[in-house]
Amino acid sequence: MHPELEALLSLQDKDVAVAQCDAQLRALEPEARTLDEQIAAAERSLEQARAAIQVALDRRDAMEGKIANYRTMQEQRRQRLEWVRGAKEASTLMAELDLTRSVLAKEEAEFMRSGDAVTEAEHKAAEVERSLEQVREAQAAAREGLAGRRDAIAAEREIAIGAREAAARVVNPALLARYDRIRRGKAPLALFPLHGSSCGNCFTAVPTQRKALIQRGATIEACEACGVLLYAK
């Protein structure tokens, strides 16, 4: 075996351990995303319910302002009626008073309904808010378990990273740079054993002379096709 090969294989084992931790953390993401989406949906419903309250309040306030204007107009007409002397003008004012009184009655009835709409919107928002709290309570155990698993994997990953750094320190720097460059490529690993007379990654045939060197441990050769480092088991 080539003197550097054992150190490289040990380093690769440590990288595999780190990658496994990363895969385990990624595997938790769909579960966390599902929980977050449930909360987000409930929060959107609450936001919409609160917006409905504001719409109802705005409508009620608009109705209140409208009614106040009608009452002001009525009061002004009554005051004018006291000073009117002509029968025709008085008749016109009386007709306007009657018409406005009728319109005012309708607006006041609508104002009462707008108040009911505010109350209904507030009740709806309260229900949605309770639903949101129920979703949060229902998720509490799942989130706690998820956080516990994530923390355990993260702690395991920190240990694996430390072991990887220690293993990297005993590898020849030039060989380490070569190894890291291969790892950044498309191959899942940087080192592969010979598979008969072929590369263990891409199964391209290895020339006989190079194969003999690899088997004797005289050198660490790269596959001419995919670039991974080859060794003999």
Protein backbone atom coordinates (compact mmCIF):
# COMPACT_ATOMS: atom_id res chain seq x y z
CA MET A 1 0.00 0.00 0.00
CA HIS A 2 1.24 3.49 -0.83
CA PRO A 3 2.36 5.27 2.38
CA GLU A 4 -0.11 8.15 1.84
CA LEU A 5 -3.05 5.93 0.93
CA GLU A 6 -4.02 4.95 4.45
CA ALA A 7 -4.16 8.61 5.51
CA LEU A 8 -6.27 9.48 2.45
CA LEU A 9 -8.68 6.61 3.07
CA SER A 10 -9.03 7.67 6.70
CA LEU A 11 -9.73 11.23 5.56
CA GLN A 12 -12.33 9.98 3.10
CA ASP A 13 -14.06 8.02 5.88
CA LYS A 14 -14.27 11.23 7.91
CA ASP A 15 -15.70 13.12 4.93
CA VAL A 16 -18.29 10.38 4.44
CA ALA A 17 -19.27 10.76 8.11
CA VAL A 18 -19.72 14.53 7.68
CA ALA A 19 -21.73 13.99 4.49
CA GLN A 20 -23.99 11.51 6.27
CA CYS A 21 -24.71 14.11 8.97
CA ASP A 22 -25.48 16.69 6.29
CA ALA A 23 -27.85 14.22 4.60
CA GLN A 24 -29.59 13.54 7.91
CA LEU A 25 -30.04 17.27 8.50
CA ARG A 26 -31.48 17.71 5.01
CA ALA A 27 -33.84 14.80 5.65
CA LEU A 28 -35.37 16.80 8.52
CA GLU A 29 -36.16 19.76 6.27
CA PRO A 30 -39.45 18.44 4.76
CA GLU A 31 -40.86 17.77 8.23
CA ALA A 32 -39.87 21.24 9.44
CA ARG A 33 -41.22 22.79 6.25
CA THR A 34 -44.58 21.03 6.70
CA LEU A 35 -44.88 22.36 10.26
CA ASP A 36 -43.90 25.86 9.15
CA GLU A 37 -46.40 25.80 6.28
CA GLN A 38 -49.21 24.83 8.66
CA ILE A 39 -48.36 27.78 10.92
CA ALA A 40 -47.99 30.12 7.93
CA ALA A 41 -51.42 29.10 6.59
CA ALA A 42 -53.03 29.71 9.98
CA GLU A 43 -51.25 33.08 10.29
CA ARG A 44 -52.46 34.11 6.83
CA SER A 45 -56.01 33.25 7.84
CA LEU A 46 -55.63 35.39 10.96
CA GLU A 47 -54.20 38.26 8.93
CA GLN A 48 -57.16 38.06 6.56
CA ALA A 49 -59.60 37.96 9.47
CA ARG A 50 -58.01 41.05 11.02
CA ALA A 51 -58.11 42.81 7.66
CA ALA A 52 -61.83 42.01 7.49
CA ILE A 53 -62.28 43.72 10.87
CA GLN A 54 -60.61 46.85 9.53
CA VAL A 55 -62.81 46.81 6.42
CA ALA A 56 -65.91 46.52 8.61
CA LEU A 57 -64.67 49.33 10.90
CA ASP A 58 -63.94 51.58 7.93
CA ARG A 59 -67.42 50.96 6.56
CA ARG A 60 -69.03 51.66 9.92
CA ASP A 61 -67.02 54.86 10.33
CA ALA A 62 -67.96 55.96 6.83
CA MET A 63 -71.63 55.32 7.59
CA GLU A 64 -71.34 57.25 10.85
CA GLY A 65 -69.82 60.23 9.05
CA LYS A 66 -72.53 60.10 6.40
CA ILE A 67 -75.27 60.04 9.04
CA ALA A 68 -73.67 62.96 10.87
CA ASN A 69 -73.74 64.96 7.61
CA TYR A 70 -77.41 64.16 7.04
CA ARG A 71 -78.27 65.25 10.58
CA THR A 72 -76.38 68.49 10.14
CA MET A 73 -78.27 69.12 6.91
CA GLN A 74 -81.58 68.39 8.66
CA GLU A 75 -80.78 70.78 11.46
CA GLN A 76 -79.87 73.51 8.98
CA ARG A 77 -83.14 73.01 7.11
CA ARG A 78 -85.15 73.17 10.34
CA GLN A 79 -83.44 76.43 11.26
CA ARG A 80 -84.15 77.85 7.80
CA LEU A 81 -87.76 76.72 8.07
CA GLU A 82 -88.21 78.89 11.16
CA TRP A 83 -87.29 82.00 9.17
CA VAL A 84 -89.06 81.15 5.91
CA ARG A 85 -92.08 83.34 5.12
CA GLY A 86 -93.05 82.15 1.65
CA ALA A 87 -95.35 79.11 1.40
CA LYS A 88 -93.57 77.74 -1.66
CA GLU A 89 -90.13 77.84 -0.05
CA ALA A 90 -91.53 76.36 3.16
CA SER A 91 -93.16 73.55 1.17
CA THR A 92 -89.87 72.83 -0.57
CA LEU A 93 -88.00 72.73 2.73
CA MET A 94 -90.62 70.42 4.27
CA ALA A 95 -90.30 68.05 1.29
CA GLU A 96 -86.52 68.05 1.66
CA LEU A 97 -86.86 67.37 5.38
CA ASP A 98 -89.19 64.45 4.73
CA LEU A 99 -86.90 63.01 2.05
CA THR A 100 -83.79 63.36 4.17
CA ARG A 101 -85.63 61.84 7.14
CA SER A 102 -86.44 58.80 5.02
CA VAL A 103 -82.86 58.52 3.72
CA LEU A 104 -81.52 59.01 7.24
CA ALA A 105 -83.67 56.16 8.55
CA LYS A 106 -82.24 53.86 5.89
CA GLU A 107 -78.68 54.96 6.60
CA GLU A 108 -79.15 54.44 10.35
CA ALA A 109 -80.47 50.94 9.70
CA GLU A 110 -77.43 50.29 7.51
CA PHE A 111 -75.20 51.70 10.25
CA MET A 112 -76.67 49.20 12.72
CA ARG A 113 -75.91 46.38 10.27
CA SER A 114 -72.36 47.67 9.83
CA GLY A 115 -71.92 47.50 13.59
CA ASP A 116 -73.10 43.89 13.53
CA ALA A 117 -70.60 43.21 10.73
CA VAL A 118 -67.79 44.55 12.93
CA THR A 119 -68.86 42.30 15.78
CA GLU A 120 -69.08 39.29 13.47
CA ALA A 121 -65.63 40.02 12.01
CA GLU A 122 -64.17 40.31 15.51
CA HIS A 123 -65.71 36.98 16.53
CA LYS A 124 -64.33 35.37 13.36
CA ALA A 125 -60.84 36.74 14.06
CA ALA A 126 -61.01 35.45 17.63
CA GLU A 127 -61.92 31.98 16.32
CA VAL A 128 -59.07 32.02 13.82
CA GLU A 129 -56.65 33.18 16.52
CA ARG A 130 -57.75 30.28 18.74
CA SER A 131 -57.23 27.93 15.79
CA LEU A 132 -53.70 29.28 15.34
CA GLU A 133 -52.93 28.66 19.01
CA GLN A 134 -54.33 25.15 18.70
CA VAL A 135 -52.05 24.47 15.73
CA ARG A 136 -49.06 25.73 17.71
CA GLU A 137 -49.99 23.60 20.71
CA ALA A 138 -50.53 20.55 18.50
CA GLN A 139 -47.09 21.08 16.94
CA ALA A 140 -45.23 21.64 20.19
CA ALA A 141 -44.26 17.99 20.74
CA ALA A 142 -43.31 17.47 17.09
CA ARG A 143 -41.18 20.63 17.05
CA GLU A 144 -39.48 19.68 20.29
CA GLY A 145 -38.67 16.24 18.92
CA LEU A 146 -37.45 17.72 15.65
CA ALA A 147 -35.24 20.22 17.45
CA GLY A 148 -33.82 17.41 19.60
CA ARG A 149 -32.95 15.33 16.54
CA ARG A 150 -31.46 18.34 14.77
CA ASP A 151 -29.31 19.22 17.79
CA ALA A 152 -28.12 15.62 18.15
CA ILE A 153 -27.13 15.44 14.47
CA ALA A 154 -25.49 18.87 14.63
CA ALA A 155 -23.43 17.74 17.64
CA GLU A 156 -22.46 14.56 15.80
CA ARG A 157 -21.49 16.66 12.80
CA GLU A 158 -19.25 18.89 14.92
CA ILE A 159 -17.43 15.80 16.15
CA ALA A 160 -17.12 14.52 12.58
CA ILE A 161 -15.77 17.89 11.41
CA GLY A 162 -13.15 17.81 14.18
CA ALA A 163 -12.13 14.28 13.20
CA ARG A 164 -11.95 15.34 9.56
CA GLU A 165 -9.69 18.28 10.36
CA ALA A 166 -7.40 16.03 12.41
CA ALA A 167 -7.24 13.48 9.58
CA ALA A 168 -6.48 16.21 7.01
CA ARG A 169 -3.48 17.43 9.01
CA VAL A 170 -1.58 14.16 8.46
CA VAL A 171 -2.05 14.14 4.67
CA ASN A 172 0.63 15.54 2.38
CA PRO A 173 -0.51 19.12 1.52
CA ALA A 174 -0.11 18.67 -2.23
CA LEU A 175 -2.02 15.37 -2.14
CA LEU A 176 -4.66 16.94 0.10
CA ALA A 177 -5.19 19.75 -2.40
CA ARG A 178 -5.55 17.18 -5.17
CA TYR A 179 -8.00 15.16 -3.07
CA ASP A 180 -10.11 18.23 -2.22
CA ARG A 181 -10.19 19.30 -5.87
CA ILE A 182 -11.57 15.89 -6.88
CA ARG A 183 -14.16 16.03 -4.09
CA ARG A 184 -15.49 19.30 -5.50
CA GLY A 185 -16.19 17.54 -8.79
CA LYS A 186 -19.06 15.24 -9.76
CA ALA A 187 -17.72 11.98 -8.33
CA PRO A 188 -19.31 10.94 -5.02
CA LEU A 189 -15.88 10.09 -3.56
CA ALA A 190 -12.29 11.00 -4.33
CA LEU A 191 -10.82 7.50 -3.91
CA PHE A 192 -12.17 4.31 -5.48
CA PRO A 193 -10.75 0.78 -5.44
CA LEU A 194 -9.90 -0.98 -8.66
CA HIS A 195 -12.74 -3.09 -9.98
CA GLY A 196 -10.79 -5.85 -11.65
CA SER A 197 -8.86 -3.97 -14.34
CA SER A 198 -11.20 -0.98 -14.32
CA CYS A 199 -11.91 2.21 -12.38
CA GLY A 200 -14.25 1.52 -9.48
CA ASN A 201 -16.19 4.73 -10.24
CA CYS A 202 -16.67 4.91 -14.00
CA PHE A 203 -15.48 1.38 -14.93
CA THR A 204 -13.08 2.67 -17.55
CA ALA A 205 -10.26 0.15 -18.21
CA VAL A 206 -6.95 1.02 -16.53
CA PRO A 207 -3.80 0.42 -18.62
CA THR A 208 -1.87 -2.67 -17.48
CA GLN A 209 1.29 -0.80 -16.48
CA ARG A 210 -0.61 1.73 -14.37
CA LYS A 211 -2.67 -1.05 -12.83
CA ALA A 212 0.50 -2.85 -11.81
CA LEU A 213 1.85 0.33 -10.16
CA ILE A 214 -1.41 0.80 -8.25
CA GLN A 215 -1.46 -2.82 -7.10
CA ARG A 216 2.14 -2.62 -5.86
CA GLY A 217 1.38 0.62 -4.01
CA ALA A 218 4.17 2.34 -5.86
CA THR A 219 2.01 5.33 -6.79
CA ILE A 220 -1.44 6.82 -6.40
CA GLU A 221 -2.85 7.05 -9.90
CA ALA A 222 -5.90 8.91 -11.16
CA CYS A 223 -8.46 7.50 -13.57
CA GLU A 224 -7.86 8.92 -17.04
CA ALA A 225 -11.61 9.21 -17.63
CA CYS A 226 -13.21 10.53 -14.43
CA GLY A 227 -10.15 11.72 -12.49
CA VAL A 228 -10.73 9.88 -9.19
CA LEU A 229 -7.77 8.41 -7.32
CA LEU A 230 -7.44 4.63 -7.58
CA TYR A 231 -6.11 2.05 -5.17
CA ALA A 232 -6.05 -1.72 -4.86
CA LYS A 233 -7.91 -3.29 -1.98
